[in-house]
């Protein structure tokens, strides 16, 4: 699960880079970033459940 969380953070960075380099629009970046952040929240919740 920790690897998945790290991969989600890496994806978030690559989305920012793709936006900064002009490969994706602001709208696309915002939508995908929103989805990645939701996945990160779900992963963090799941990790916490597994630890308890």
C-alpha atoms as a PDB file:
ATOM      1  CA  UNK A   1       0.000   0.000   0.000  1.00  0.00           C
ATOM      2  CA  UNK A   2       2.875   2.367   0.720  1.00  0.00           C
ATOM      3  CA  UNK A   3       4.225   1.758  -2.773  1.00  0.00           C
ATOM      4  CA  UNK A   4       0.800   2.551  -4.232  1.00  0.00           C
ATOM      5  CA  UNK A   5       0.682   5.802  -2.241  1.00  0.00           C
ATOM      6  CA  UNK A   6       4.137   6.721  -3.516  1.00  0.00           C
ATOM      7  CA  UNK A   7       3.089   5.964  -7.067  1.00  0.00           C
ATOM      8  CA  UNK A   8       0.033   8.186  -6.676  1.00  0.00           C
ATOM      9  CA  UNK A   9       2.274  11.048  -5.523  1.00  0.00           C
ATOM     10  CA  UNK A  10       4.577  10.428  -8.461  1.00  0.00           C
ATOM     11  CA  UNK A  11       1.585  10.536 -10.813  1.00  0.00           C
ATOM     12  CA  UNK A  12       0.563  13.841  -9.272  1.00  0.00           C
ATOM     13  CA  UNK A  13       4.028  15.244 -10.019  1.00  0.00           C
ATOM     14  CA  UNK A  14       3.962  13.965 -13.606  1.00  0.00           C
ATOM     15  CA  UNK A  15       0.587  15.601 -14.173  1.00  0.00           C
ATOM     16  CA  UNK A  16       2.016  18.913 -12.990  1.00  0.00           C
ATOM     17  CA  UNK A  17       5.017  18.487 -15.251  1.00  0.00           C
ATOM     18  CA  UNK A  18       2.814  17.608 -18.242  1.00  0.00           C
ATOM     19  CA  UNK A  19       0.770  20.740 -17.595  1.00  0.00           C
ATOM     20  CA  UNK A  20       3.844  22.954 -17.204  1.00  0.00           C
ATOM     21  CA  UNK A  21       5.281  21.607 -20.459  1.00  0.00           C
ATOM     22  CA  UNK A  22       2.005  22.219 -22.288  1.00  0.00           C
ATOM     23  CA  UNK A  23       1.083  18.599 -22.931  1.00  0.00           C
ATOM     24  CA  UNK A  24      -2.264  18.893 -21.121  1.00  0.00           C
ATOM     25  CA  UNK A  25      -4.641  21.807 -20.609  1.00  0.00           C
ATOM     26  CA  UNK A  26      -5.372  23.486 -17.282  1.00  0.00           C
ATOM     27  CA  UNK A  27      -8.827  21.926 -17.277  1.00  0.00           C
ATOM     28  CA  UNK A  28      -7.454  18.433 -17.858  1.00  0.00           C
ATOM     29  CA  UNK A  29      -4.793  18.943 -15.199  1.00  0.00           C
ATOM     30  CA  UNK A  30      -7.350  20.075 -12.628  1.00  0.00           C
ATOM     31  CA  UNK A  31      -9.645  17.115 -13.316  1.00  0.00           C
ATOM     32  CA  UNK A  32      -6.879  14.519 -13.194  1.00  0.00           C
ATOM     33  CA  UNK A  33      -5.266  16.117 -10.145  1.00  0.00           C
ATOM     34  CA  UNK A  34      -8.631  16.001  -8.376  1.00  0.00           C
ATOM     35  CA  UNK A  35      -8.928  12.281  -9.161  1.00  0.00           C
ATOM     36  CA  UNK A  36      -5.376  11.517  -8.010  1.00  0.00           C
ATOM     37  CA  UNK A  37      -5.941  13.360  -4.742  1.00  0.00           C
ATOM     38  CA  UNK A  38      -9.128  11.390  -4.142  1.00  0.00           C
ATOM     39  CA  UNK A  39      -7.238   8.147  -4.743  1.00  0.00           C
ATOM     40  CA  UNK A  40      -4.489   9.277  -2.347  1.00  0.00           C
ATOM     41  CA  UNK A  41      -7.119   9.958   0.332  1.00  0.00           C
ATOM     42  CA  UNK A  42      -8.648   6.519  -0.192  1.00  0.00           C
ATOM     43  CA  UNK A  43      -5.235   4.856  -0.009  1.00  0.00           C
ATOM     44  CA  UNK A  44      -4.337   6.719   3.178  1.00  0.00           C
ATOM     45  CA  UNK A  45      -7.627   5.691   4.770  1.00  0.00           C
ATOM     46  CA  UNK A  46      -7.069   2.093   3.738  1.00  0.00           C
ATOM     47  CA  UNK A  47      -3.512   2.119   5.112  1.00  0.00           C
ATOM     48  CA  UNK A  48      -4.802   3.467   8.429  1.00  0.00           C
ATOM     49  CA  UNK A  49      -7.465   0.720   8.559  1.00  0.00           C
ATOM     50  CA  UNK A  50      -4.835  -1.927   7.928  1.00  0.00           C
ATOM     51  CA  UNK A  51      -2.626  -0.573  10.708  1.00  0.00           C
ATOM     52  CA  UNK A  52      -5.432  -0.674  13.289  1.00  0.00           C
END
